[in-house]
Amino acid sequence: MRNTARWAATLGLTATAVCGPLTGSALADTDAAPASLYAPSALVLTVAHGDTAAMTTPVRAVTLSCAPTPSGTHPAPGSACAELRGVNGDFDALRGRDGVLCTKQYDPVVVTVDGVWQGKRVSYERTFGNECVKGSYGTSLFAF
């Protein structure tokens, strides 16, 4: 009888050692949140009057999230996200539209973008000569 109890204890401990981790990982996987199918894309855009963001206070800030669907406080999140996808998130690739006439008055406007674009950290700052020049870049990203 003593041998039977020892074998039962050994068999029970062996089963627990072998199957325990499998059961634990299965439980852990069902409790964990599913991984996202989309790389995160969430940005904060600001606009201020002045030469650099460090020397100014933003007059307006908006949020823009592009995955899984466009959203945020940006007035046109769908077209802003499409515009960013069109340049693969390269803000420097945004160019002024042809045919836009602006005065040469120097009244600097600085735009900043901080956040994550398709899983990568981004930080961007650009100073435009005036509000009209800022509006000529892209179609909707900086129109807020």
C-alpha atoms as a PDB file:
ATOM      1  CA  MET A   1       0.000   0.000   0.000  1.00  0.00           C
ATOM      2  CA  ARG A   2       2.897   2.270   0.817  1.00  0.00           C
ATOM      3  CA  ASN A   3       4.362   1.768  -2.683  1.00  0.00           C
ATOM      4  CA  THR A   4       1.005   2.552  -4.299  1.00  0.00           C
ATOM      5  CA  ALA A   5       0.747   5.889  -2.437  1.00  0.00           C
ATOM      6  CA  ARG A   6       4.292   6.808  -3.481  1.00  0.00           C
ATOM      7  CA  TRP A   7       3.552   6.007  -7.137  1.00  0.00           C
ATOM      8  CA  ALA A   8       0.312   7.955  -7.022  1.00  0.00           C
ATOM      9  CA  ALA A   9       2.061  10.989  -5.517  1.00  0.00           C
ATOM     10  CA  THR A  10       4.887  10.755  -8.064  1.00  0.00           C
ATOM     11  CA  LEU A  11       2.453  10.408 -10.953  1.00  0.00           C
ATOM     12  CA  GLY A  12       0.386  13.355  -9.666  1.00  0.00           C
ATOM     13  CA  LEU A  13       3.454  15.600  -9.262  1.00  0.00           C
ATOM     14  CA  THR A  14       4.765  14.610 -12.687  1.00  0.00           C
ATOM     15  CA  ALA A  15       1.428  15.357 -14.333  1.00  0.00           C
ATOM     16  CA  THR A  16       1.295  18.724 -12.571  1.00  0.00           C
ATOM     17  CA  ALA A  17       4.865  19.567 -13.599  1.00  0.00           C
ATOM     18  CA  VAL A  18       4.277  18.610 -17.234  1.00  0.00           C
ATOM     19  CA  CYS A  19       0.716  19.839 -17.751  1.00  0.00           C
ATOM     20  CA  GLY A  20       0.705  22.747 -15.301  1.00  0.00           C
ATOM     21  CA  PRO A  21       2.668  25.167 -17.491  1.00  0.00           C
ATOM     22  CA  LEU A  22       0.490  24.298 -20.489  1.00  0.00           C
ATOM     23  CA  THR A  23      -2.677  25.017 -18.557  1.00  0.00           C
ATOM     24  CA  GLY A  24      -1.228  28.224 -17.104  1.00  0.00           C
ATOM     25  CA  SER A  25      -0.203  29.597 -20.477  1.00  0.00           C
ATOM     26  CA  ALA A  26      -3.574  28.755 -21.971  1.00  0.00           C
ATOM     27  CA  LEU A  27      -5.276  30.621 -19.175  1.00  0.00           C
ATOM     28  CA  ALA A  28      -2.892  33.532 -19.487  1.00  0.00           C
ATOM     29  CA  ASP A  29      -3.520  33.764 -23.231  1.00  0.00           C
ATOM     30  CA  THR A  30      -7.295  33.837 -22.826  1.00  0.00           C
ATOM     31  CA  ASP A  31      -7.077  36.544 -20.162  1.00  0.00           C
ATOM     32  CA  ALA A  32      -4.718  38.758 -22.161  1.00  0.00           C
ATOM     33  CA  ALA A  33      -6.051  41.366 -24.549  1.00  0.00           C
ATOM     34  CA  PRO A  34      -5.715  40.370 -28.196  1.00  0.00           C
ATOM     35  CA  ALA A  35      -2.862  41.967 -30.092  1.00  0.00           C
ATOM     36  CA  SER A  36      -3.865  44.815 -32.372  1.00  0.00           C
ATOM     37  CA  LEU A  37      -3.946  44.190 -36.083  1.00  0.00           C
ATOM     38  CA  TYR A  38      -2.910  47.785 -36.744  1.00  0.00           C
ATOM     39  CA  ALA A  39       0.257  49.643 -35.827  1.00  0.00           C
ATOM     40  CA  PRO A  40      -0.703  52.570 -33.606  1.00  0.00           C
ATOM     41  CA  SER A  41      -0.968  55.972 -35.254  1.00  0.00           C
ATOM     42  CA  ALA A  42      -1.936  58.702 -32.808  1.00  0.00           C
ATOM     43  CA  LEU A  43      -0.701  62.269 -33.167  1.00  0.00           C
ATOM     44  CA  VAL A  44      -1.074  65.637 -31.448  1.00  0.00           C
ATOM     45  CA  LEU A  45      -0.800  68.619 -33.804  1.00  0.00           C
ATOM     46  CA  THR A  46      -0.363  72.180 -32.550  1.00  0.00           C
ATOM     47  CA  VAL A  47      -0.180  75.574 -34.205  1.00  0.00           C
ATOM     48  CA  ALA A  48       1.313  78.744 -32.726  1.00  0.00           C
ATOM     49  CA  HIS A  49       2.370  82.201 -33.889  1.00  0.00           C
ATOM     50  CA  GLY A  50       6.137  82.705 -33.844  1.00  0.00           C
ATOM     51  CA  ASP A  51       9.432  81.399 -35.188  1.00  0.00           C
ATOM     52  CA  THR A  52       9.887  78.292 -33.023  1.00  0.00           C
ATOM     53  CA  ALA A  53       7.686  76.130 -30.837  1.00  0.00           C
ATOM     54  CA  ALA A  54      10.059  76.594 -27.910  1.00  0.00           C
ATOM     55  CA  MET A  55       9.430  80.352 -27.874  1.00  0.00           C
ATOM     56  CA  THR A  56       5.638  80.266 -28.364  1.00  0.00           C
ATOM     57  CA  THR A  57       2.449  79.035 -26.767  1.00  0.00           C
ATOM     58  CA  PRO A  58       0.132  76.946 -28.954  1.00  0.00           C
ATOM     59  CA  VAL A  59      -3.086  78.681 -29.932  1.00  0.00           C
ATOM     60  CA  ARG A  60      -4.723  75.458 -31.094  1.00  0.00           C
ATOM     61  CA  ALA A  61      -4.112  71.731 -30.631  1.00  0.00           C
ATOM     62  CA  VAL A  62      -5.895  68.747 -32.171  1.00  0.00           C
ATOM     63  CA  THR A  63      -5.570  64.985 -31.962  1.00  0.00           C
ATOM     64  CA  LEU A  64      -5.447  62.640 -34.920  1.00  0.00           C
ATOM     65  CA  SER A  65      -5.678  58.864 -34.766  1.00  0.00           C
ATOM     66  CA  CYS A  66      -5.456  56.911 -38.020  1.00  0.00           C
ATOM     67  CA  ALA A  67      -5.749  53.246 -37.008  1.00  0.00           C
ATOM     68  CA  PRO A  68      -7.971  51.326 -37.210  1.00  0.00           C
ATOM     69  CA  THR A  69     -10.223  54.161 -38.414  1.00  0.00           C
ATOM     70  CA  PRO A  70      -9.566  57.907 -38.660  1.00  0.00           C
ATOM     71  CA  SER A  71     -10.709  59.793 -35.569  1.00  0.00           C
ATOM     72  CA  GLY A  72      -9.760  62.559 -33.165  1.00  0.00           C
ATOM     73  CA  THR A  73     -10.500  66.234 -32.710  1.00  0.00           C
ATOM     74  CA  HIS A  74      -8.971  67.133 -36.094  1.00  0.00           C
ATOM     75  CA  PRO A  75     -11.742  68.686 -38.251  1.00  0.00           C
ATOM     76  CA  ALA A  76     -11.082  66.281 -41.166  1.00  0.00           C
ATOM     77  CA  PRO A  77      -9.436  63.117 -39.767  1.00  0.00           C
ATOM     78  CA  GLY A  78     -10.196  60.958 -42.821  1.00  0.00           C
ATOM     79  CA  SER A  79      -8.528  63.194 -45.373  1.00  0.00           C
ATOM     80  CA  ALA A  80      -5.659  64.088 -42.986  1.00  0.00           C
ATOM     81  CA  CYS A  81      -4.874  60.385 -42.471  1.00  0.00           C
ATOM     82  CA  ALA A  82      -5.115  59.733 -46.223  1.00  0.00           C
ATOM     83  CA  GLU A  83      -2.732  62.615 -46.840  1.00  0.00           C
ATOM     84  CA  LEU A  84      -0.224  61.191 -44.352  1.00  0.00           C
ATOM     85  CA  ARG A  85      -0.509  57.704 -45.837  1.00  0.00           C
ATOM     86  CA  GLY A  86       0.144  59.224 -49.273  1.00  0.00           C
ATOM     87  CA  VAL A  87       3.570  60.448 -48.122  1.00  0.00           C
ATOM     88  CA  ASN A  88       4.245  57.405 -45.888  1.00  0.00           C
ATOM     89  CA  GLY A  89       4.218  59.607 -42.792  1.00  0.00           C
ATOM     90  CA  ASP A  90       7.038  61.822 -44.086  1.00  0.00           C
ATOM     91  CA  PHE A  91       5.938  65.333 -43.105  1.00  0.00           C
ATOM     92  CA  ASP A  92       8.809  66.868 -45.088  1.00  0.00           C
ATOM     93  CA  ALA A  93       7.352  65.322 -48.252  1.00  0.00           C
ATOM     94  CA  LEU A  94       4.261  67.549 -47.986  1.00  0.00           C
ATOM     95  CA  ARG A  95       4.579  70.301 -50.571  1.00  0.00           C
ATOM     96  CA  GLY A  96       2.703  73.502 -51.241  1.00  0.00           C
ATOM     97  CA  ARG A  97      -0.129  73.258 -53.741  1.00  0.00           C
ATOM     98  CA  ASP A  98       0.337  74.905 -57.111  1.00  0.00           C
ATOM     99  CA  GLY A  99      -1.770  77.939 -57.864  1.00  0.00           C
ATOM    100  CA  VAL A 100      -2.092  79.213 -54.289  1.00  0.00           C
ATOM    101  CA  LEU A 101      -1.224  82.898 -54.111  1.00  0.00           C
ATOM    102  CA  CYS A 102       0.012  84.223 -50.761  1.00  0.00           C
ATOM    103  CA  THR A 103       1.415  87.573 -49.722  1.00  0.00           C
ATOM    104  CA  LYS A 104       5.043  87.810 -48.726  1.00  0.00           C
ATOM    105  CA  GLN A 105       4.138  89.344 -45.370  1.00  0.00           C
ATOM    106  CA  TYR A 106       6.219  87.664 -42.662  1.00  0.00           C
ATOM    107  CA  ASP A 107       3.949  86.626 -39.800  1.00  0.00           C
ATOM    108  CA  PRO A 108       5.454  83.235 -38.826  1.00  0.00           C
ATOM    109  CA  VAL A 109       3.270  80.281 -37.891  1.00  0.00           C
ATOM    110  CA  VAL A 110       4.823  77.175 -36.377  1.00  0.00           C
ATOM    111  CA  VAL A 111       3.228  73.719 -36.548  1.00  0.00           C
ATOM    112  CA  THR A 112       4.309  70.780 -34.390  1.00  0.00           C
ATOM    113  CA  VAL A 113       3.398  67.110 -34.608  1.00  0.00           C
ATOM    114  CA  ASP A 114       4.201  64.677 -31.810  1.00  0.00           C
ATOM    115  CA  GLY A 115       3.121  61.105 -31.278  1.00  0.00           C
ATOM    116  CA  VAL A 116       3.289  57.752 -33.021  1.00  0.00           C
ATOM    117  CA  TRP A 117       2.900  57.048 -36.731  1.00  0.00           C
ATOM    118  CA  GLN A 118       2.501  53.375 -37.662  1.00  0.00           C
ATOM    119  CA  GLY A 119       4.239  52.280 -34.469  1.00  0.00           C
ATOM    120  CA  LYS A 120       7.188  54.681 -34.713  1.00  0.00           C
ATOM    121  CA  ARG A 121       7.727  57.766 -32.546  1.00  0.00           C
ATOM    122  CA  VAL A 122       7.574  61.028 -34.507  1.00  0.00           C
ATOM    123  CA  SER A 123       8.345  64.616 -33.619  1.00  0.00           C
ATOM    124  CA  TYR A 124       8.087  67.306 -36.288  1.00  0.00           C
ATOM    125  CA  GLU A 125       8.242  71.091 -36.299  1.00  0.00           C
ATOM    126  CA  ARG A 126       7.905  73.455 -39.242  1.00  0.00           C
ATOM    127  CA  THR A 127       7.704  77.232 -39.442  1.00  0.00           C
ATOM    128  CA  PHE A 128       5.705  78.784 -42.276  1.00  0.00           C
ATOM    129  CA  GLY A 129       6.023  82.408 -43.392  1.00  0.00           C
ATOM    130  CA  ASN A 130       2.357  83.136 -42.680  1.00  0.00           C
ATOM    131  CA  GLU A 131      -1.043  81.478 -42.276  1.00  0.00           C
ATOM    132  CA  CYS A 132      -1.657  81.402 -46.041  1.00  0.00           C
ATOM    133  CA  VAL A 133       1.596  79.545 -46.732  1.00  0.00           C
ATOM    134  CA  LYS A 134       0.726  77.020 -43.993  1.00  0.00           C
ATOM    135  CA  GLY A 135      -2.663  76.469 -45.604  1.00  0.00           C
ATOM    136  CA  SER A 136      -1.103  75.779 -48.982  1.00  0.00           C
ATOM    137  CA  TYR A 137       0.813  72.737 -47.684  1.00  0.00           C
ATOM    138  CA  GLY A 138      -1.084  69.542 -48.180  1.00  0.00           C
ATOM    139  CA  THR A 139      -4.837  69.666 -48.348  1.00  0.00           C
ATOM    140  CA  SER A 140      -6.102  69.067 -44.854  1.00  0.00           C
ATOM    141  CA  LEU A 141      -3.424  67.894 -42.424  1.00  0.00           C
ATOM    142  CA  PHE A 142      -2.478  71.387 -41.255  1.00  0.00           C
ATOM    143  CA  ALA A 143      -5.977  72.839 -41.752  1.00  0.00           C
ATOM    144  CA  PHE A 144      -7.151  73.074 -38.167  1.00  0.00           C
END
